[in-house]
Amino acid sequence: MMSLDYDRLLYLKRLIDNNQATNSDKNEYMKILLQNGSITHDQYNSFIKNQNSEEIVRAALTIGGVILAAWLISKLVED
């Protein structure tokens, strides 16, 4: 698992949530989740091929939200 850039993940998630994300932003978000092992290669490939991409992005937003929540909780515990 790679070192995750939580700030970038949060930024991209907010863009997607607010319908301000470009296709490039969505691609980067999905690539981060893939590299982190949070989504499968099949899910990523389906997204790239535009098969159910909106459903996949919505599911990925939930996954990203959980990852970010866990990160924020760990930061609170550290302090």
Protein backbone atom coordinates (compact mmCIF):
# COMPACT_ATOMS: atom_id res chain seq x y z
CA MET A 1 0.00 0.00 0.00
CA MET A 2 1.35 3.39 -0.96
CA SER A 3 1.57 6.43 1.26
CA LEU A 4 -1.78 8.10 0.82
CA ASP A 5 -2.02 11.87 0.27
CA TYR A 6 -5.06 12.48 2.45
CA ASP A 7 -5.19 16.20 1.71
CA ARG A 8 -5.36 15.53 -2.04
CA LEU A 9 -7.94 12.78 -1.56
CA LEU A 10 -10.09 15.12 0.54
CA TYR A 11 -9.75 17.93 -2.02
CA LEU A 12 -10.79 15.66 -4.90
CA LYS A 13 -13.66 14.18 -2.87
CA ARG A 14 -15.00 17.67 -2.17
CA LEU A 15 -14.82 18.59 -5.86
CA ILE A 16 -16.73 15.45 -6.80
CA ASP A 17 -19.30 15.93 -4.01
CA ASN A 18 -19.93 19.50 -5.19
CA ASN A 19 -20.20 18.51 -8.88
CA GLN A 20 -17.15 20.67 -9.66
CA ALA A 21 -14.76 17.86 -10.58
CA THR A 22 -13.41 17.45 -14.07
CA ASN A 23 -12.99 14.02 -15.62
CA SER A 24 -9.29 14.36 -14.81
CA ASP A 25 -10.12 14.99 -11.13
CA LYS A 26 -12.36 11.91 -11.03
CA ASN A 27 -9.68 9.83 -12.75
CA GLU A 28 -7.08 10.97 -10.20
CA TYR A 29 -9.43 10.18 -7.30
CA MET A 30 -10.11 6.70 -8.61
CA LYS A 31 -6.40 6.11 -9.31
CA ILE A 32 -5.53 7.06 -5.71
CA LEU A 33 -8.11 4.59 -4.40
CA LEU A 34 -6.80 1.88 -6.73
CA GLN A 35 -3.18 2.44 -5.69
CA ASN A 36 -4.25 2.35 -2.04
CA GLY A 37 -6.01 -0.98 -2.57
CA SER A 38 -9.39 0.53 -1.72
CA ILE A 39 -10.97 -0.44 -5.03
CA THR A 40 -10.25 -3.38 -7.32
CA HIS A 41 -8.69 -3.30 -10.77
CA ASP A 42 -12.06 -4.43 -12.16
CA GLN A 43 -13.81 -1.45 -10.56
CA TYR A 44 -11.15 0.92 -11.85
CA ASN A 45 -11.24 -0.58 -15.36
CA SER A 46 -15.04 -0.35 -15.43
CA PHE A 47 -14.76 3.30 -14.45
CA ILE A 48 -12.17 3.96 -17.18
CA LYS A 49 -14.33 2.18 -19.76
CA ASN A 50 -17.27 4.30 -18.55
CA GLN A 51 -19.33 1.28 -17.58
CA ASN A 52 -21.54 2.36 -14.67
CA SER A 53 -19.00 5.08 -13.95
CA GLU A 54 -21.38 7.27 -11.95
CA GLU A 55 -22.32 4.33 -9.73
CA ILE A 56 -18.66 3.44 -9.30
CA VAL A 57 -17.76 7.04 -8.42
CA ARG A 58 -20.58 7.20 -5.85
CA ALA A 59 -19.35 3.98 -4.25
CA ALA A 60 -15.78 5.30 -4.36
CA LEU A 61 -16.90 8.49 -2.60
CA THR A 62 -18.21 6.36 0.25
CA ILE A 63 -14.95 4.40 0.38
CA GLY A 64 -12.93 7.61 0.31
CA GLY A 65 -15.09 9.07 3.06
CA VAL A 66 -14.40 6.08 5.29
CA ILE A 67 -10.65 6.32 4.61
CA LEU A 68 -10.65 10.04 5.41
CA ALA A 69 -12.73 9.54 8.58
CA ALA A 70 -10.30 6.89 9.81
CA TRP A 71 -7.37 9.21 9.05
CA LEU A 72 -8.97 12.13 10.92
CA ILE A 73 -9.75 9.94 13.94
CA SER A 74 -6.14 8.71 14.01
CA LYS A 75 -4.97 12.34 13.93
CA LEU A 76 -7.25 13.22 16.84
CA VAL A 77 -5.98 10.25 18.85
CA GLU A 78 -2.36 11.25 18.19
CA ASP A 79 -2.94 14.73 19.63
